[in-house]
């Protein structure tokens, strides 16, 4: 095989290495060390804390499919590859007979939080900031921004689902209630799941090398928005005990 034929493989490896460098420097797994996840794993939550968690985490659940729909609406009609990319994620979030949202409603219901409770929930400041950050990225017409935000989101989601699963193991849940965590444990990974899809899609963009710094900035801002949702929940728990 000639050097010219080898070039695409070498170029792809370079871009994958560059993406991996950003992921390693960001270290999304540090999320598991914040007080929320440490406390969730080490003790059982009071009823009001469990309720607070489900009401605020709902902001992430809602935004996860709304932002994808916004990205599709704001993509250029001629950019069929980007639209298919977003549709692939949207299908796993809200497609099929039982969507991720339906699984979430069942999970929350098992802990006494109804769909009506979720619909009436008022997001706190950090939950609102999460929604605004992600919807802002997907409301642009720039497919690179969509893909960069998706990578940050999927890597963060992979870690938070692991943290939630570790914390909720101390509760008895039927399969119906555990479905939300189960399906995300299968899909949120960089082997053949959502993170892998996002990585491979970014590696195919022609201007990645020129926009690496932008990718790093977006990735870290998305991670911060995720972490701050749980920082906000934890702060609400302890603000209540101080009054």
Protein backbone atom coordinates (compact mmCIF):
# COMPACT_ATOMS: atom_id res chain seq x y z
CA UNK A 1 0.00 0.00 0.00
CA UNK A 2 1.35 3.43 -0.95
CA UNK A 3 1.97 6.35 1.38
CA UNK A 4 -0.94 8.16 -0.26
CA UNK A 5 -3.25 5.25 0.49
CA UNK A 6 -1.96 5.17 4.06
CA UNK A 7 -2.64 8.87 4.59
CA UNK A 8 -6.37 8.64 5.49
CA UNK A 9 -5.63 6.07 8.20
CA UNK A 10 -2.79 8.18 9.59
CA UNK A 11 -4.92 11.32 9.49
CA UNK A 12 -7.80 9.59 11.26
CA UNK A 13 -5.47 8.30 13.97
CA UNK A 14 -4.12 11.82 14.46
CA UNK A 15 -7.58 13.30 14.89
CA UNK A 16 -8.62 10.50 17.25
CA UNK A 17 -5.49 11.13 19.33
CA UNK A 18 -6.29 14.86 19.44
CA UNK A 19 -9.84 14.19 20.59
CA UNK A 20 -8.62 11.72 23.19
CA UNK A 21 -6.18 14.33 24.50
CA UNK A 22 -9.05 16.75 25.13
CA UNK A 23 -11.07 14.03 26.86
CA UNK A 24 -8.18 13.02 29.11
CA UNK A 25 -7.37 16.60 30.12
CA UNK A 26 -11.02 17.27 30.96
CA UNK A 27 -11.27 14.06 33.05
CA UNK A 28 -15.04 13.73 33.16
CA UNK A 29 -14.70 10.98 35.76
CA UNK A 30 -13.83 13.58 38.38
CA UNK A 31 -17.58 14.17 38.57
CA UNK A 32 -17.82 11.03 40.72
CA UNK A 33 -15.77 12.80 43.39
CA UNK A 34 -18.08 15.77 43.92
CA UNK A 35 -20.13 15.80 47.16
CA UNK A 36 -23.41 14.85 45.47
CA UNK A 37 -22.18 11.51 44.15
CA UNK A 38 -20.13 10.73 47.25
CA UNK A 39 -23.15 11.31 49.47
CA UNK A 40 -25.52 9.47 47.13
CA UNK A 41 -23.32 6.38 47.35
CA UNK A 42 -22.67 6.53 51.09
CA UNK A 43 -26.17 7.01 52.52
CA UNK A 44 -29.85 6.69 51.74
CA UNK A 45 -31.61 9.89 50.76
CA UNK A 46 -34.45 11.41 52.74
CA UNK A 47 -37.76 11.61 50.88
CA UNK A 48 -37.45 15.34 50.24
CA UNK A 49 -33.90 14.89 48.94
CA UNK A 50 -35.03 12.15 46.57
CA UNK A 51 -37.80 14.42 45.33
CA UNK A 52 -35.41 17.34 44.83
CA UNK A 53 -33.09 15.09 42.84
CA UNK A 54 -35.75 13.85 40.45
CA UNK A 55 -37.26 17.30 39.88
CA UNK A 56 -33.92 18.94 39.06
CA UNK A 57 -32.44 16.04 37.10
CA UNK A 58 -35.53 16.26 34.90
CA UNK A 59 -33.92 19.31 33.29
CA UNK A 60 -31.21 17.06 31.85
CA UNK A 61 -33.75 14.47 30.66
CA UNK A 62 -35.91 17.06 28.88
CA UNK A 63 -33.00 18.88 27.33
CA UNK A 64 -31.40 15.69 26.00
CA UNK A 65 -33.98 15.35 23.21
CA UNK A 66 -35.03 18.99 22.83
CA UNK A 67 -31.50 20.09 22.01
CA UNK A 68 -31.18 17.40 19.32
CA UNK A 69 -34.44 18.53 17.75
CA UNK A 70 -33.15 22.12 17.82
CA UNK A 71 -29.91 21.00 16.18
CA UNK A 72 -31.82 19.30 13.38
CA UNK A 73 -34.02 22.35 12.82
CA UNK A 74 -30.98 24.63 12.69
CA UNK A 75 -28.87 22.41 10.41
CA UNK A 76 -28.55 23.33 6.75
CA UNK A 77 -30.92 21.13 4.72
CA UNK A 78 -28.00 20.27 2.42
CA UNK A 79 -25.94 18.93 5.33
CA UNK A 80 -27.55 15.50 5.30
CA UNK A 81 -24.68 13.83 7.21
CA UNK A 82 -25.08 16.16 10.20
CA UNK A 83 -28.84 15.71 10.23
CA UNK A 84 -28.48 11.92 10.15
CA UNK A 85 -25.95 12.15 12.97
CA UNK A 86 -28.36 14.05 15.20
CA UNK A 87 -31.28 11.83 14.22
CA UNK A 88 -29.32 8.77 15.29
CA UNK A 89 -29.04 10.18 18.80
CA UNK A 90 -32.60 11.49 18.82
CA UNK A 91 -33.94 8.06 17.90
CA UNK A 92 -32.38 6.50 21.00
CA UNK A 93 -33.60 9.36 23.21
CA UNK A 94 -37.23 9.51 22.12
CA UNK A 95 -37.82 6.86 19.45
CA UNK A 96 -39.42 3.48 19.83
CA UNK A 97 -42.38 2.41 21.90
CA UNK A 98 -40.59 3.05 25.20
CA UNK A 99 -38.35 6.12 25.09
CA UNK A 100 -35.77 7.29 27.60
CA UNK A 101 -38.31 9.82 28.82
CA UNK A 102 -40.84 7.06 29.52
CA UNK A 103 -38.20 5.10 31.44
CA UNK A 104 -37.45 8.20 33.49
CA UNK A 105 -41.11 8.71 34.36
CA UNK A 106 -41.30 5.10 35.58
CA UNK A 107 -38.13 5.46 37.64
CA UNK A 108 -39.34 8.67 39.29
CA UNK A 109 -42.81 7.22 39.89
CA UNK A 110 -41.29 4.33 41.85
CA UNK A 111 -39.86 6.91 44.29
CA UNK A 112 -43.12 8.83 44.63
CA UNK A 113 -42.51 11.54 42.02
CA UNK A 114 -45.31 11.68 39.46
CA UNK A 115 -45.36 12.98 35.90
CA UNK A 116 -47.49 15.87 37.16
CA UNK A 117 -44.82 16.69 39.78
CA UNK A 118 -42.16 16.75 37.07
CA UNK A 119 -44.27 18.90 34.77
CA UNK A 120 -44.77 21.45 37.54
CA UNK A 121 -41.14 21.45 38.65
CA UNK A 122 -39.25 24.73 38.68
CA UNK A 123 -35.60 24.34 37.73
CA UNK A 124 -33.13 25.99 40.08
CA UNK A 125 -30.35 28.25 38.83
CA UNK A 126 -27.89 25.51 37.90
CA UNK A 127 -30.56 23.44 36.13
CA UNK A 128 -31.62 26.49 34.13
CA UNK A 129 -27.98 27.17 33.25
CA UNK A 130 -27.66 23.60 31.95
CA UNK A 131 -30.69 24.02 29.70
CA UNK A 132 -29.50 27.38 28.41
CA UNK A 133 -25.97 26.13 27.72
CA UNK A 134 -27.01 23.08 25.72
CA UNK A 135 -29.92 24.71 23.90
CA UNK A 136 -27.59 27.57 23.01
CA UNK A 137 -25.09 25.25 21.35
CA UNK A 138 -27.74 23.37 19.38
CA UNK A 139 -29.55 26.52 18.30
CA UNK A 140 -26.60 27.48 16.10
CA UNK A 141 -26.34 26.45 12.46
CA UNK A 142 -22.78 25.19 12.94
CA UNK A 143 -22.66 21.38 12.79
CA UNK A 144 -19.19 21.33 14.34
CA UNK A 145 -20.58 23.02 17.45
CA UNK A 146 -23.38 20.43 17.61
CA UNK A 147 -20.87 17.57 17.40
CA UNK A 148 -18.51 19.11 19.93
CA UNK A 149 -21.32 19.65 22.43
CA UNK A 150 -22.52 16.08 21.82
CA UNK A 151 -19.15 14.65 22.78
CA UNK A 152 -19.04 16.65 26.00
CA UNK A 153 -22.59 15.65 26.78
CA UNK A 154 -22.15 11.93 26.14
CA UNK A 155 -18.91 11.65 28.10
CA UNK A 156 -20.49 13.49 31.03
CA UNK A 157 -23.62 11.37 30.79
CA UNK A 158 -21.59 8.16 30.84
CA UNK A 159 -19.98 9.17 34.13
CA UNK A 160 -23.12 10.49 35.82
CA UNK A 161 -25.09 7.35 34.95
CA UNK A 162 -22.33 5.28 36.52
CA UNK A 163 -22.52 7.46 39.63
CA UNK A 164 -26.31 7.24 39.80
CA UNK A 165 -26.22 3.47 39.36
CA UNK A 166 -23.71 3.13 42.21
CA UNK A 167 -25.88 5.28 44.48
CA UNK A 168 -29.21 3.64 43.66
CA UNK A 169 -27.96 0.09 44.19
CA UNK A 170 -28.94 0.43 47.84
CA UNK A 171 -32.62 0.77 46.87
CA UNK A 172 -34.85 -2.10 45.83
CA UNK A 173 -36.15 -1.41 42.34
CA UNK A 174 -38.15 -3.58 39.96
CA UNK A 175 -36.88 -3.87 36.40
CA UNK A 176 -39.56 -1.39 35.32
CA UNK A 177 -38.04 1.29 37.55
CA UNK A 178 -34.42 0.34 36.89
CA UNK A 179 -34.91 0.58 33.13
CA UNK A 180 -33.68 4.18 32.85
CA UNK A 181 -30.32 3.37 34.42
CA UNK A 182 -30.03 0.03 32.65
CA UNK A 183 -30.54 1.39 29.16
CA UNK A 184 -28.10 4.26 29.75
CA UNK A 185 -25.44 1.92 31.09
CA UNK A 186 -25.70 0.06 27.78
CA UNK A 187 -25.71 3.14 25.56
CA UNK A 188 -23.49 5.70 27.29
CA UNK A 189 -20.02 4.35 26.56
CA UNK A 190 -17.09 4.80 24.22
CA UNK A 191 -16.93 1.17 23.12
CA UNK A 192 -19.92 1.10 20.80
CA UNK A 193 -22.32 3.59 22.41
CA UNK A 194 -23.06 7.28 22.31
CA UNK A 195 -19.57 8.53 23.17
CA UNK A 196 -18.14 6.33 20.40
CA UNK A 197 -20.62 7.77 17.91
CA UNK A 198 -19.68 11.31 18.91
CA UNK A 199 -15.93 10.64 18.73
CA UNK A 200 -16.11 9.01 15.30
CA UNK A 201 -18.29 11.78 13.92
CA UNK A 202 -15.90 14.50 15.10
CA UNK A 203 -12.92 12.62 13.67
CA UNK A 204 -14.54 12.89 10.24
CA UNK A 205 -14.88 16.69 10.28
CA UNK A 206 -12.53 18.42 7.86
CA UNK A 207 -11.74 21.40 10.10
CA UNK A 208 -11.14 19.60 13.39
CA UNK A 209 -7.44 20.45 13.60
CA UNK A 210 -8.19 24.15 13.11
CA UNK A 211 -10.92 24.07 15.75
CA UNK A 212 -9.37 21.92 18.47
CA UNK A 213 -9.28 24.79 20.97
CA UNK A 214 -12.96 25.44 20.33
CA UNK A 215 -13.74 21.76 20.84
CA UNK A 216 -11.92 21.84 24.17
CA UNK A 217 -13.81 24.95 25.29
CA UNK A 218 -17.21 23.53 24.36
CA UNK A 219 -16.43 20.15 25.92
CA UNK A 220 -15.43 21.72 29.22
CA UNK A 221 -18.40 24.08 29.33
CA UNK A 222 -20.78 21.20 28.77
CA UNK A 223 -19.05 19.19 31.48
CA UNK A 224 -19.29 22.14 33.89
CA UNK A 225 -23.00 22.52 33.13
CA UNK A 226 -23.55 18.84 33.95
CA UNK A 227 -21.55 18.91 37.15
CA UNK A 228 -23.23 22.09 38.34
CA UNK A 229 -26.70 20.52 38.10
CA UNK A 230 -25.61 18.08 40.81
CA UNK A 231 -23.74 20.72 42.76
CA UNK A 232 -26.98 22.69 42.77
CA UNK A 233 -29.00 19.72 44.00
CA UNK A 234 -26.51 19.07 46.77
CA UNK A 235 -26.56 22.73 47.79
CA UNK A 236 -30.38 22.66 47.91
CA UNK A 237 -30.28 19.62 50.19
CA UNK A 238 -28.00 21.31 52.68
CA UNK A 239 -29.58 24.74 52.43
CA UNK A 240 -32.80 23.10 53.60
CA UNK A 241 -31.07 21.61 56.66
CA UNK A 242 -29.56 24.98 57.58
CA UNK A 243 -32.96 26.64 57.88
